[in-house]
Protein backbone atom coordinates (compact mmCIF):
# COMPACT_ATOMS: atom_id res chain seq x y z
CA MET A 1 -0.06 0.01 0.05
CA GLY A 2 2.89 2.36 0.86
CA SER A 3 4.78 1.77 -2.32
CA ARG A 4 1.59 2.43 -4.36
CA THR A 5 1.07 5.79 -2.57
CA ARG A 6 4.77 6.88 -3.19
CA ALA A 7 4.42 6.08 -6.89
CA ARG A 8 1.19 8.03 -7.14
CA ARG A 9 2.85 10.96 -5.39
CA ALA A 10 5.96 10.79 -7.69
CA ALA A 11 3.71 10.58 -10.84
CA VAL A 12 1.69 13.71 -9.57
CA ALA A 13 5.06 15.54 -9.01
CA LEU A 14 6.45 14.87 -12.42
CA GLY A 15 3.12 15.87 -13.92
CA VAL A 16 3.22 19.18 -12.13
CA THR A 17 6.80 19.76 -13.07
CA GLY A 18 5.88 18.89 -16.84
CA LEU A 19 2.95 21.34 -16.75
CA LEU A 20 5.31 24.05 -15.45
CA CYS A 21 8.00 23.33 -18.16
CA ALA A 22 5.30 23.31 -20.85
CA MET A 23 3.84 26.59 -19.61
CA LEU A 24 7.36 28.16 -19.42
CA GLY A 25 8.25 26.85 -22.92
CA ALA A 26 4.95 28.30 -24.40
CA VAL A 27 5.53 31.66 -22.66
CA MET A 28 9.10 31.83 -24.03
CA ILE A 29 7.93 31.11 -27.58
CA VAL A 30 5.76 34.21 -27.27
CA VAL A 31 8.17 36.43 -25.26
CA VAL A 32 11.62 35.45 -26.37
CA PRO A 33 11.51 36.86 -30.00
CA SER A 34 10.22 40.26 -28.49
CA PHE A 35 12.85 40.26 -25.82
CA ILE A 36 15.67 39.57 -28.29
CA GLN A 37 14.37 42.36 -30.52
CA GLN A 38 14.30 44.83 -27.67
CA GLN A 39 17.81 43.81 -26.56
CA VAL A 40 19.28 44.34 -30.14
CA LEU A 41 17.41 47.72 -30.37
CA LYS A 42 18.85 48.73 -27.03
CA ASN A 43 22.38 47.64 -27.84
CA VAL A 44 22.88 48.86 -31.41
CA ARG A 45 21.75 52.46 -30.94
CA ILE A 46 24.40 55.11 -30.47
CA ASP A 47 24.07 55.42 -26.69
CA PRO A 48 26.93 55.33 -23.99
CA ASN A 49 24.90 52.67 -22.23
CA SER A 50 24.60 50.34 -25.23
CA LEU A 51 26.92 47.39 -25.79
CA SER A 52 27.99 48.58 -29.22
CA PHE A 53 28.87 52.16 -28.25
CA ASN A 54 32.52 51.43 -27.59
CA MET A 55 32.82 49.46 -30.78
CA TRP A 56 31.30 52.47 -32.62
CA LYS A 57 33.60 54.97 -30.85
CA GLU A 58 36.85 53.13 -31.17
CA ILE A 59 36.53 50.58 -33.89
CA PRO A 60 38.23 47.50 -32.56
CA VAL A 61 38.38 45.80 -35.94
CA PRO A 62 41.97 45.90 -37.46
CA PHE A 63 41.57 47.67 -40.88
CA TYR A 64 44.25 47.51 -43.58
CA LEU A 65 44.80 49.75 -46.61
CA SER A 66 46.47 47.76 -49.43
CA VAL A 67 47.72 49.87 -52.36
CA HIS A 68 48.56 48.50 -55.74
CA PHE A 69 50.45 50.85 -58.16
CA PHE A 70 50.39 50.68 -61.97
CA HIS A 71 54.00 51.12 -62.99
CA VAL A 72 54.24 52.58 -66.56
CA VAL A 73 56.51 50.45 -68.62
CA ASN A 74 56.74 52.61 -71.70
CA PRO A 75 56.43 56.34 -70.96
CA GLU A 76 58.38 57.43 -74.04
CA GLU A 77 56.32 55.41 -76.38
CA ILE A 78 53.06 56.95 -74.84
CA LEU A 79 54.34 60.38 -75.47
CA LYS A 80 54.86 59.42 -79.14
CA GLY A 81 51.28 58.09 -79.44
CA GLY A 82 51.86 54.52 -78.47
CA LYS A 83 49.63 52.20 -76.41
CA PRO A 84 50.29 52.38 -72.65
CA GLN A 85 51.66 49.21 -70.93
CA VAL A 86 51.46 48.98 -67.16
CA GLN A 87 52.75 46.52 -64.58
CA GLU A 88 50.92 46.08 -61.29
CA ARG A 89 53.25 46.59 -58.31
CA GLY A 90 52.44 45.82 -54.71
CA PRO A 91 50.43 45.42 -52.52
CA TYR A 92 51.94 48.11 -50.09
CA VAL A 93 49.97 47.38 -46.97
CA TYR A 94 49.22 50.00 -44.17
CA ARG A 95 47.47 49.35 -40.77
CA GLU A 96 44.61 51.82 -40.56
CA PHE A 97 43.73 53.26 -37.10
CA ARG A 98 40.47 55.06 -36.64
CA HIS A 99 39.04 56.94 -33.68
CA LYS A 100 36.23 59.31 -33.07
CA SER A 101 36.54 62.53 -31.26
CA ASN A 102 34.49 65.81 -30.63
CA ILE A 103 31.48 63.40 -30.00
CA THR A 104 28.42 65.78 -29.24
CA PHE A 105 25.01 64.56 -28.67
CA ASN A 106 22.39 66.96 -29.92
CA ASP A 107 18.77 67.64 -28.87
CA ASN A 108 17.33 66.28 -32.13
CA ASP A 109 18.33 62.69 -31.56
CA THR A 110 21.57 63.05 -33.46
CA VAL A 111 25.28 62.88 -32.60
CA SER A 112 28.04 64.72 -34.34
CA PHE A 113 31.75 63.52 -34.49
CA LEU A 114 34.99 63.62 -36.31
CA GLU A 115 36.67 60.41 -37.23
CA TYR A 116 40.46 60.56 -37.57
CA ARG A 117 42.55 58.11 -39.48
CA SER A 118 46.29 57.35 -39.34
CA PHE A 119 48.36 54.71 -41.28
CA ARG A 120 51.29 52.65 -40.47
CA PHE A 121 53.31 50.74 -42.97
CA GLN A 122 53.33 46.87 -42.56
CA PRO A 123 56.53 45.43 -44.19
CA ALA A 124 55.63 41.95 -43.35
CA ARG A 125 52.20 42.07 -45.24
CA SER A 126 53.65 44.08 -48.08
CA ARG A 127 55.32 43.00 -51.36
CA GLY A 128 57.95 45.73 -51.53
CA SER A 129 58.93 48.73 -49.52
CA GLU A 130 58.13 52.37 -49.48
CA SER A 131 61.47 53.06 -51.06
CA ASP A 132 60.50 51.26 -54.28
CA TYR A 133 60.41 53.63 -57.28
CA ILE A 134 57.33 53.75 -59.47
CA VAL A 135 56.90 55.50 -63.01
CA MET A 136 53.45 56.94 -63.25
CA PRO A 137 51.83 60.06 -64.83
CA ASN A 138 52.61 63.37 -63.41
CA ILE A 139 49.03 64.39 -62.16
CA LEU A 140 49.92 67.99 -61.63
CA VAL A 141 51.37 68.48 -65.15
CA LEU A 142 48.84 66.38 -67.09
CA GLY A 143 45.85 67.48 -64.97
CA ALA A 144 46.84 71.17 -65.35
CA ALA A 145 47.21 70.62 -69.10
CA MET A 146 43.69 69.20 -69.43
CA MET A 147 42.33 72.13 -67.38
CA MET A 148 44.04 74.49 -69.93
CA GLU A 149 42.59 72.78 -73.04
CA ASN A 150 40.16 75.58 -73.93
CA LYS A 151 42.38 78.41 -72.75
CA PRO A 152 44.01 80.81 -75.11
CA MET A 153 47.20 79.65 -76.84
CA SER A 154 49.28 82.33 -75.26
CA LEU A 155 48.41 81.10 -71.80
CA LYS A 156 49.13 77.50 -72.84
CA MET A 157 52.55 78.58 -74.30
CA LEU A 158 53.29 80.43 -70.97
CA MET A 159 52.46 77.18 -69.06
CA THR A 160 54.81 75.15 -71.36
CA LEU A 161 57.57 77.61 -70.46
CA ALA A 162 56.75 77.34 -66.71
CA PHE A 163 56.87 73.59 -66.91
CA SER A 164 60.16 73.62 -68.68
CA THR A 165 61.73 76.04 -66.29
CA LEU A 166 60.68 74.07 -63.19
CA GLY A 167 61.77 70.76 -64.75
CA GLU A 168 58.27 69.25 -64.94
CA ARG A 169 57.54 66.45 -67.17
CA ALA A 170 54.57 64.30 -68.24
CA PHE A 171 55.73 61.21 -66.29
CA MET A 172 57.72 60.99 -63.06
CA ASN A 173 59.76 58.40 -61.27
CA ARG A 174 59.15 58.65 -57.52
CA THR A 175 59.16 56.30 -54.43
CA VAL A 176 56.05 54.76 -53.10
CA GLY A 177 56.32 56.77 -49.89
CA GLU A 178 56.55 60.15 -51.93
CA ILE A 179 53.48 59.12 -53.98
CA MET A 180 51.40 58.15 -50.99
CA TRP A 181 52.27 60.76 -48.46
CA GLY A 182 53.74 63.69 -50.36
CA TYR A 183 56.78 65.22 -52.08
CA ASP A 184 57.83 68.82 -52.55
CA ASP A 185 56.97 70.00 -55.99
CA PRO A 186 58.13 73.43 -57.30
CA LEU A 187 54.84 73.76 -59.31
CA VAL A 188 52.68 73.34 -56.15
CA ASN A 189 54.88 75.96 -54.32
CA LEU A 190 54.49 78.34 -57.33
CA ILE A 191 50.73 77.88 -57.67
CA ASN A 192 50.15 78.18 -53.86
CA LYS A 193 52.26 81.36 -53.88
CA TYR A 194 50.33 83.12 -56.72
CA PHE A 195 46.96 81.26 -56.56
CA PRO A 196 46.59 80.31 -52.86
CA SER A 197 43.05 79.19 -53.12
CA MET A 198 43.58 76.97 -56.22
CA PHE A 199 44.66 73.75 -54.36
CA PRO A 200 43.13 72.47 -51.14
CA PHE A 201 46.51 71.36 -49.96
CA LYS A 202 49.59 73.21 -48.90
CA GLY A 203 53.25 72.09 -49.06
CA LYS A 204 53.83 68.49 -50.16
CA PHE A 205 51.47 66.75 -52.74
CA GLY A 206 50.64 63.12 -52.31
CA LEU A 207 47.63 61.05 -53.31
CA PHE A 208 46.90 59.92 -49.61
CA ALA A 209 48.49 63.00 -47.88
CA GLU A 210 45.09 64.44 -47.00
CA LEU A 211 43.90 61.26 -45.41
CA ASN A 212 46.75 60.65 -42.97
CA ASN A 213 46.26 62.09 -39.42
CA SER A 214 43.20 63.92 -40.57
CA ASP A 215 39.46 63.55 -40.35
CA SER A 216 36.84 62.72 -43.03
CA GLY A 217 34.59 65.65 -42.32
CA LEU A 218 32.05 66.43 -39.55
CA PHE A 219 29.35 63.75 -39.56
CA THR A 220 26.00 64.20 -37.85
CA VAL A 221 23.99 60.92 -37.69
CA PHE A 222 20.80 59.86 -35.95
CA THR A 223 21.34 57.89 -32.70
CA GLY A 224 18.11 55.79 -32.74
CA VAL A 225 17.43 56.48 -29.08
CA LYS A 226 14.22 58.40 -29.80
CA ASN A 227 13.37 57.45 -33.24
CA PHE A 228 14.71 53.97 -34.18
CA SER A 229 13.45 54.09 -37.76
CA ARG A 230 16.41 56.45 -38.66
CA ILE A 231 19.14 54.84 -36.69
CA HIS A 232 22.71 55.50 -38.13
CA LEU A 233 21.48 57.55 -40.97
CA VAL A 234 23.41 60.61 -41.89
CA ASP A 235 21.61 63.85 -41.08
CA LYS A 236 24.36 66.16 -42.33
CA TRP A 237 27.96 66.08 -43.40
CA ASN A 238 30.00 69.29 -42.82
CA GLY A 239 26.66 70.94 -41.92
CA LEU A 240 25.30 70.13 -45.41
CA SER A 241 22.16 68.17 -46.06
CA LYS A 242 23.41 67.69 -49.69
CA VAL A 243 26.49 68.36 -51.51
CA SER A 244 27.06 70.53 -54.67
CA PHE A 245 29.65 68.54 -56.67
CA TRP A 246 27.10 67.13 -59.13
CA HIS A 247 24.56 68.16 -61.66
CA SER A 248 21.32 66.70 -60.27
CA ASP A 249 19.71 66.80 -56.87
CA GLN A 250 19.53 63.07 -56.83
CA CYS A 251 23.33 62.58 -57.29
CA ASN A 252 23.86 65.31 -54.63
CA MET A 253 21.89 63.74 -51.95
CA ILE A 254 23.50 62.38 -48.86
CA ASN A 255 21.88 59.02 -48.40
CA GLY A 256 22.46 56.10 -45.99
CA THR A 257 24.83 55.93 -43.04
CA SER A 258 28.44 56.86 -42.53
CA GLY A 259 29.48 53.40 -43.64
CA GLN A 260 30.15 51.81 -40.30
CA MET A 261 26.92 50.42 -39.04
CA TRP A 262 23.36 49.92 -40.49
CA ALA A 263 19.83 49.38 -39.19
CA PRO A 264 19.25 45.89 -37.71
CA PHE A 265 16.87 43.14 -38.77
CA MET A 266 17.72 42.96 -42.34
CA SER A 267 16.18 40.85 -45.06
CA PRO A 268 17.37 39.97 -48.62
CA GLU A 269 15.44 42.90 -49.83
CA SER A 270 17.62 45.15 -47.86
CA SER A 271 20.39 47.31 -49.27
CA LEU A 272 23.53 49.09 -47.78
CA GLU A 273 23.58 52.68 -48.50
CA PHE A 274 26.31 55.05 -47.28
CA TYR A 275 27.96 58.41 -47.97
CA SER A 276 31.64 58.29 -49.00
CA PRO A 277 33.62 61.67 -48.56
CA GLU A 278 36.50 60.24 -50.59
CA ALA A 279 34.02 59.48 -53.58
CA CYS A 280 32.09 62.66 -52.81
CA ARG A 281 28.84 60.75 -53.23
CA SER A 282 26.39 58.28 -51.74
CA MET A 283 26.81 54.57 -52.75
CA LYS A 284 24.43 51.66 -52.58
CA LEU A 285 25.32 48.05 -52.35
CA VAL A 286 22.81 45.29 -52.98
CA TYR A 287 22.25 41.91 -51.35
CA LYS A 288 23.90 38.84 -53.08
CA GLU A 289 23.78 35.76 -50.76
CA ALA A 290 23.61 34.60 -47.12
CA GLY A 291 26.72 33.15 -45.53
CA VAL A 292 28.56 32.41 -42.26
CA PHE A 293 31.60 34.19 -41.03
CA ARG A 294 33.43 32.32 -38.20
CA GLY A 295 30.12 30.91 -36.91
CA ILE A 296 28.12 34.15 -37.33
CA PRO A 297 25.39 34.22 -40.00
CA THR A 298 25.96 37.11 -42.51
CA TYR A 299 24.41 38.61 -45.55
CA ARG A 300 26.87 39.61 -48.39
CA PHE A 301 26.26 42.95 -50.12
CA VAL A 302 28.13 43.78 -53.38
CA ALA A 303 28.27 46.57 -55.84
CA PRO A 304 25.57 46.58 -58.51
CA PRO A 305 26.69 46.82 -62.12
CA THR A 306 25.18 50.35 -62.32
CA LEU A 307 27.33 51.81 -59.54
CA PHE A 308 29.70 53.54 -61.90
CA ALA A 309 27.62 53.27 -65.13
CA ASN A 310 27.36 56.30 -67.24
CA GLY A 311 24.11 58.29 -67.81
CA SER A 312 23.41 56.59 -71.16
CA VAL A 313 23.43 53.12 -69.47
CA TYR A 314 21.83 54.17 -66.22
CA PRO A 315 19.93 57.51 -66.47
CA PRO A 316 19.88 58.32 -62.74
CA ASN A 317 23.90 58.72 -62.99
CA GLU A 318 23.47 61.37 -65.63
CA GLY A 319 24.11 63.97 -62.77
CA PHE A 320 27.63 62.51 -62.35
CA CYS A 321 28.53 63.36 -66.00
CA PRO A 322 30.31 64.53 -68.14
CA CYS A 323 30.99 60.86 -68.63
CA LEU A 324 33.32 58.79 -70.85
CA GLU A 325 32.75 55.01 -71.28
CA SER A 326 30.34 53.30 -68.87
CA GLY A 327 31.95 51.86 -65.65
CA ILE A 328 34.14 54.82 -64.63
CA GLN A 329 32.85 58.01 -62.70
CA ASN A 330 34.38 61.35 -63.31
CA VAL A 331 35.36 62.90 -59.95
CA SER A 332 37.02 65.91 -61.31
CA THR A 333 34.37 68.31 -59.74
CA CYS A 334 35.45 67.24 -56.16
CA ARG A 335 39.17 66.93 -56.98
CA PHE A 336 40.22 70.44 -57.88
CA GLY A 337 39.22 70.10 -61.58
CA ALA A 338 41.81 67.19 -62.31
CA PRO A 339 40.43 64.76 -64.85
CA LEU A 340 40.39 61.88 -62.23
CA PHE A 341 38.12 58.87 -62.51
CA LEU A 342 36.86 56.30 -60.04
CA SER A 343 36.11 52.62 -60.89
CA HIS A 344 36.58 49.06 -59.92
CA PRO A 345 40.18 47.81 -60.21
CA HIS A 346 41.41 47.01 -63.75
CA PHE A 347 38.12 48.42 -65.01
CA TYR A 348 36.20 45.43 -63.83
CA ASN A 349 32.46 45.67 -64.58
CA ALA A 350 33.20 48.55 -67.07
CA ASP A 351 33.19 48.91 -70.82
CA LEU A 352 35.71 46.52 -72.31
CA VAL A 353 37.28 49.29 -74.36
CA LEU A 354 38.75 50.80 -71.20
CA ALA A 355 40.71 47.66 -70.17
CA GLU A 356 41.73 46.95 -73.93
CA ALA A 357 43.22 50.47 -74.34
CA VAL A 358 45.90 49.59 -71.79
CA LEU A 359 48.26 46.58 -71.84
CA GLY A 360 48.69 44.79 -68.58
CA LEU A 361 45.18 44.96 -67.23
CA HIS A 362 43.29 41.72 -66.33
CA PRO A 363 39.86 42.50 -64.68
CA ASN A 364 38.14 39.55 -62.85
CA GLN A 365 35.40 39.25 -60.31
CA GLN A 366 37.40 37.33 -57.71
CA GLU A 367 40.16 39.70 -57.32
CA HIS A 368 38.58 43.03 -58.18
CA SER A 369 35.05 43.12 -56.84
CA LEU A 370 34.12 44.60 -53.47
CA PHE A 371 31.83 43.12 -50.75
CA LEU A 372 30.56 43.64 -47.20
CA ASP A 373 29.41 40.75 -44.97
CA VAL A 374 26.88 42.05 -42.34
CA HIS A 375 25.25 40.38 -39.41
CA PRO A 376 21.67 40.82 -40.52
CA VAL A 377 20.19 40.96 -36.92
CA THR A 378 22.30 43.84 -35.69
CA GLY A 379 23.45 45.54 -38.94
CA ILE A 380 27.09 45.24 -37.83
CA PRO A 381 29.79 44.47 -40.44
CA MET A 382 31.73 41.24 -39.78
CA ASN A 383 33.99 41.30 -42.82
CA CYS A 384 34.55 43.73 -45.63
CA SER A 385 36.74 44.44 -48.60
CA VAL A 386 36.20 47.61 -50.48
CA LYS A 387 38.34 47.99 -53.69
CA LEU A 388 38.50 51.02 -55.83
CA GLN A 389 40.71 52.42 -58.58
CA LEU A 390 41.89 55.82 -59.41
CA SER A 391 42.69 56.73 -63.00
CA LEU A 392 43.73 59.80 -64.94
CA TYR A 393 42.38 60.81 -68.21
CA ILE A 394 45.33 62.01 -70.44
CA LYS A 395 45.81 63.26 -73.97
CA ALA A 396 47.90 65.64 -76.08
CA ILE A 397 47.03 69.35 -75.55
CA LYS A 398 47.96 71.55 -78.35
CA GLY A 399 50.22 74.25 -77.16
CA ILE A 400 51.57 72.21 -74.17
CA GLY A 401 54.74 70.60 -75.36
CA GLN A 402 54.91 68.33 -72.37
CA THR A 403 51.92 66.34 -73.53
CA GLY A 404 53.60 65.18 -76.83
CA ASN A 405 51.38 63.18 -78.97
CA ILE A 406 49.47 61.22 -76.24
CA ASN A 407 46.53 59.45 -77.55
CA PRO A 408 43.31 59.93 -75.37
CA VAL A 409 43.27 57.18 -72.79
CA VAL A 410 42.05 56.65 -69.25
CA LEU A 411 45.38 55.52 -67.58
CA PRO A 412 45.06 53.72 -64.19
CA LEU A 413 47.30 55.20 -61.49
CA LEU A 414 46.58 52.74 -58.63
CA TRP A 415 43.88 50.58 -56.98
CA PHE A 416 43.38 50.30 -53.17
CA GLU A 417 41.64 47.82 -50.93
CA GLU A 418 40.29 48.79 -47.47
CA SER A 419 39.66 45.55 -45.61
CA GLY A 420 38.77 44.47 -42.03
CA ALA A 421 37.38 41.46 -40.24
CA MET A 422 36.11 41.14 -36.73
CA GLU A 423 38.37 38.89 -34.71
CA GLY A 424 39.77 38.19 -31.14
CA ASP A 425 37.98 39.12 -28.00
CA THR A 426 35.59 41.42 -29.89
CA LEU A 427 34.47 38.54 -32.03
CA THR A 428 34.05 36.25 -29.00
CA ALA A 429 32.08 38.71 -27.10
CA PHE A 430 29.83 39.54 -30.12
CA TYR A 431 29.18 35.85 -30.75
CA THR A 432 28.39 35.01 -27.19
CA GLN A 433 26.03 37.88 -26.61
CA LEU A 434 24.40 38.50 -29.83
CA VAL A 435 24.48 34.94 -31.54
CA LEU A 436 25.00 32.27 -28.96
CA LEU A 437 22.64 33.52 -26.25
CA PRO A 438 19.77 34.16 -28.61
CA GLU A 439 20.26 30.69 -30.14
CA VAL A 440 20.18 29.16 -26.65
CA LEU A 441 17.06 30.97 -25.81
CA HIS A 442 15.52 29.97 -29.09
CA TYR A 443 16.23 26.19 -28.71
CA ALA A 444 15.46 26.31 -24.91
CA GLN A 445 11.88 27.30 -25.43
CA TYR A 446 11.22 24.16 -27.56
CA VAL A 447 13.21 21.85 -25.34
CA LEU A 448 11.17 22.99 -22.35
CA LEU A 449 7.87 22.57 -24.23
CA ALA A 450 8.90 19.00 -25.45
CA LEU A 451 10.17 18.09 -21.92
CA GLY A 452 6.95 19.37 -20.30
CA CYS A 453 4.84 17.44 -22.71
CA GLY A 454 6.83 14.27 -21.94
CA LEU A 455 6.53 14.70 -18.14
CA LEU A 456 2.80 15.38 -18.44
CA LEU A 457 2.49 11.88 -20.09
CA ILE A 458 3.81 10.13 -16.99
CA PRO A 459 0.72 10.65 -14.61
CA VAL A 460 -1.54 9.98 -17.48
CA VAL A 461 0.27 6.60 -18.16
CA TYR A 462 0.34 5.96 -14.46
CA GLN A 463 -3.42 6.52 -14.13
CA ILE A 464 -4.20 4.34 -17.17
CA ARG A 465 -2.05 1.42 -15.81
CA SER A 466 -3.57 1.82 -12.39
CA GLN A 467 -7.12 1.69 -13.85
CA GLU A 468 -6.11 -1.53 -15.79
CA LYS A 469 -4.90 -3.16 -12.63
CA CYS A 470 -8.11 -2.23 -10.71
CA ASN A 471 -10.30 -3.74 -13.54
CA LEU A 472 -8.11 -6.91 -13.61
CA LEU A 473 -8.46 -7.41 -9.78
CA TRP A 474 -12.21 -6.77 -9.89
CA SER A 475 -12.63 -9.30 -12.74
CA SER A 476 -10.63 -11.81 -10.86
CA SER A 477 -12.47 -11.20 -7.65
CA LYS A 478 -15.90 -11.62 -9.41
CA LYS A 479 -14.77 -14.93 -11.05
CA SER A 480 -13.51 -16.28 -7.87
CA SER A 481 -16.83 -15.49 -6.14
CA LYS A 482 -18.91 -17.41 -8.72
CA ASP A 483 -16.75 -20.46 -8.40
CA THR A 484 -17.00 -20.42 -4.70
CA GLU A 485 -20.75 -20.24 -5.00
CA ALA A 486 -20.87 -23.30 -7.38
CA ILE A 487 -18.71 -25.37 -5.16
CA GLN A 488 -20.80 -24.52 -2.21
CA ALA A 489 -24.04 -25.48 -4.08
CA TYR A 490 -22.54 -28.79 -5.23
CA SER A 491 -21.45 -29.67 -1.67
CA GLU A 492 -24.87 -28.87 -0.27
CA SER A 493 -26.44 -31.08 -2.97
CA LEU A 494 -24.31 -34.07 -1.95
CA MET A 495 -25.27 -33.63 1.70
CA THR A 496 -28.99 -33.50 1.11
CA SER A 497 -30.96 -36.97 1.33
CA PRO A 498 -32.45 -38.02 -2.18
CA PRO A 499 -36.16 -38.60 -2.47
CA LYS A 500 -37.31 -42.18 -1.57
CA GLY A 501 -38.80 -42.79 -5.01
CA THR A 502 -35.44 -42.35 -6.59
CA VAL A 503 -33.83 -44.90 -4.26
CA LEU A 504 -36.62 -47.66 -4.98
CA GLN A 505 -36.19 -47.06 -8.62
CA GLU A 506 -32.45 -47.60 -8.47
CA ALA A 507 -32.99 -50.72 -6.37
CA LYS A 508 -35.43 -52.16 -8.92
CA LEU A 509 -32.92 -51.64 -11.53
């Protein structure tokens, strides 16, 4: 009797436990998605109390700038009208350090900041040193010549004389360090002396001199604290709601973010839009495929074929013209009038005429396309590789002897890659808090529900089995009672004297 009572109590206890587990699992199925969403919204906004604030303020991801130069093999032949031939040199790799300063929270749910960048050469990652010499077009001479194309002949002759006096030539042979970070040029000194507002730089001239130890402009972006729908979107850049470099309102618009974080809860229909001060325009990347980066689910976004298309191929880009072939963008209006063009490396995804006009170019998707891998739940980039090429449009200018007989051509100067991937303690913390924990909660709710249902079956099974035993005992007891009655009746019949008639009859027989 005691063992049966204990079994009944154990079954009841397991049933109660199962009911609680099932109820907790059901509640979690309803509550956990909302809880995770609230936690993500709380921790991706620009707020000193959010988990991602320090990541936003001091980017912990190691960024690298890899520069590939196009060494001109035949400068003399080009001056005579020959086809240019280039040889890719590098990469020359620099560690890029970024940090934000002058962080100011405004009353309209925005924050303003300056982001400074500095670069440090990485010999171990590079193929060559900063002392390597590279032959490349003299941007100052050929750029100035193009700007003088429609000026009076007398002015062009005067410029030819000035170039000759200063020893300037169409091509130059300088070190990687000089091309990157600046060199003293007598032409720059002369122009800055008599035309001080013509160039935005003073002193040394270098293609990346303006980027080192400098900021990329004053960004004002929405924090998402009060209005989450605009989180990370740029409100203003250098106090402007739109720029004035281009020829249409659409092209001048400042759209998207500052290029570091995007709104969370992405879908394959989402796109990555950001404003690039270096390109002087907003850019949009489109979804390509889902993937996994070191255990973290990602969406890969790439540049659409229309990113640098000209106006005839993609009408919305008409505002970036005057254009040449499709696949390169004229950035002269934001680069002091020099005929500079932006594109993918080796003219990938551009009109084939461009790559065919220069010997030594081999465009291909694997080496020359750009991508960003973003965690879709938080909108935080996990891995990125942004590749762009800078080219110079050159040709012979009548009246300027230094240009010789150069045939019109868009000649690549260099292409660079900015890359970075989350790693180390930052990756571990991100994975634990924003990937592993939500997954544990997601599976825990179904485990609890299944466990609860399983435990609830125990008292049911126990009750059924107990009922069967009771029926069996009752049936057995009932049968035993009938047998006893039959035996008793038979015994009584034997003990009773038979009628006399029956005995006489038996005797007669």
